[in-house]
């Protein structure tokens, strides 16, 4: 994996994690709770989407941070 791809994955990971934390802040406002509260299907959908953003962002950050040099060499042996 080249350095540019790692930087892009890291930046996207940070962005997705920030989307999750933004959702945590926004969902507490009265305006948001009135339209998309947890008592509606749309509320549950936004909740699930926020968690997918968090998990996807954490996955991208982990992939960008903890990569093995053997991944970029393309060797067929999984143990090297």
Protein backbone atom coordinates (compact mmCIF):
# COMPACT_ATOMS: atom_id res chain seq x y z
CA UNK A 1 0.00 0.00 0.00
CA UNK A 2 1.51 3.31 -0.97
CA UNK A 3 1.69 6.33 1.29
CA UNK A 4 -0.94 8.32 -0.60
CA UNK A 5 -3.51 5.59 -0.21
CA UNK A 6 -2.74 5.36 3.52
CA UNK A 7 -3.22 9.12 3.93
CA UNK A 8 -6.55 9.05 2.10
CA UNK A 9 -7.78 6.10 4.16
CA UNK A 10 -6.71 7.82 7.37
CA UNK A 11 -8.42 11.07 6.40
CA UNK A 12 -11.64 9.26 5.45
CA UNK A 13 -11.50 7.33 8.71
CA UNK A 14 -11.20 10.52 10.72
CA UNK A 15 -14.04 12.08 8.73
CA UNK A 16 -16.36 9.14 9.39
CA UNK A 17 -15.57 9.15 13.11
CA UNK A 18 -16.28 12.89 13.19
CA UNK A 19 -19.63 12.27 11.48
CA UNK A 20 -20.50 9.90 14.33
CA UNK A 21 -19.52 12.43 17.02
CA UNK A 22 -21.41 15.14 15.15
CA UNK A 23 -24.47 12.93 15.19
CA UNK A 24 -24.07 12.49 18.95
CA UNK A 25 -24.16 16.27 19.38
CA UNK A 26 -26.94 16.99 16.91
CA UNK A 27 -29.33 14.30 18.12
CA UNK A 28 -29.60 16.02 21.50
CA UNK A 29 -31.14 19.20 20.03
CA UNK A 30 -34.88 19.73 20.27
CA UNK A 31 -35.25 20.43 16.56
CA UNK A 32 -33.65 17.13 15.61
CA UNK A 33 -35.55 15.12 18.23
CA UNK A 34 -38.82 16.55 16.96
CA UNK A 35 -38.23 15.31 13.42
CA UNK A 36 -36.06 12.24 13.83
CA UNK A 37 -36.54 10.91 17.34
CA UNK A 38 -35.85 7.34 18.35
CA UNK A 39 -39.60 6.66 18.28
CA UNK A 40 -39.62 6.61 14.49
CA UNK A 41 -38.15 4.39 11.82
CA UNK A 42 -36.12 7.32 10.50
CA UNK A 43 -34.60 7.78 13.97
CA UNK A 44 -33.50 4.15 14.09
CA UNK A 45 -32.13 4.45 10.56
CA UNK A 46 -29.99 7.48 11.43
CA UNK A 47 -28.81 5.69 14.58
CA UNK A 48 -27.72 2.66 12.55
CA UNK A 49 -26.06 4.85 9.90
CA UNK A 50 -24.11 6.72 12.56
CA UNK A 51 -22.78 3.47 14.02
CA UNK A 52 -21.82 2.24 10.56
CA UNK A 53 -19.87 5.50 10.12
CA UNK A 54 -18.06 4.94 13.42
CA UNK A 55 -17.17 1.32 12.69
CA UNK A 56 -16.20 2.07 9.10
CA UNK A 57 -14.06 5.00 10.19
CA UNK A 58 -12.33 2.93 12.85
CA UNK A 59 -11.70 0.21 10.28
CA UNK A 60 -10.17 2.67 7.81
CA UNK A 61 -8.00 4.20 10.53
CA UNK A 62 -6.78 0.79 11.60
CA UNK A 63 -6.05 -0.22 8.02
CA UNK A 64 -4.12 3.00 7.37
CA UNK A 65 -2.19 2.78 10.64
CA UNK A 66 -1.38 -0.92 11.03
CA UNK A 67 -0.34 -2.14 7.61
CA UNK A 68 2.24 -4.75 6.83
CA UNK A 69 4.91 -4.16 4.23
CA UNK A 70 4.21 -7.63 2.78
CA UNK A 71 0.72 -6.46 1.74
CA UNK A 72 2.18 -4.19 -0.92
CA UNK A 73 4.58 -6.81 -2.28
CA UNK A 74 1.79 -9.13 -3.38
CA UNK A 75 3.36 -12.38 -2.21
CA UNK A 76 0.96 -15.29 -2.34
CA UNK A 77 2.06 -16.67 1.03
CA UNK A 78 -0.26 -15.36 3.82
CA UNK A 79 2.30 -16.11 6.55
CA UNK A 80 5.01 -13.78 5.23
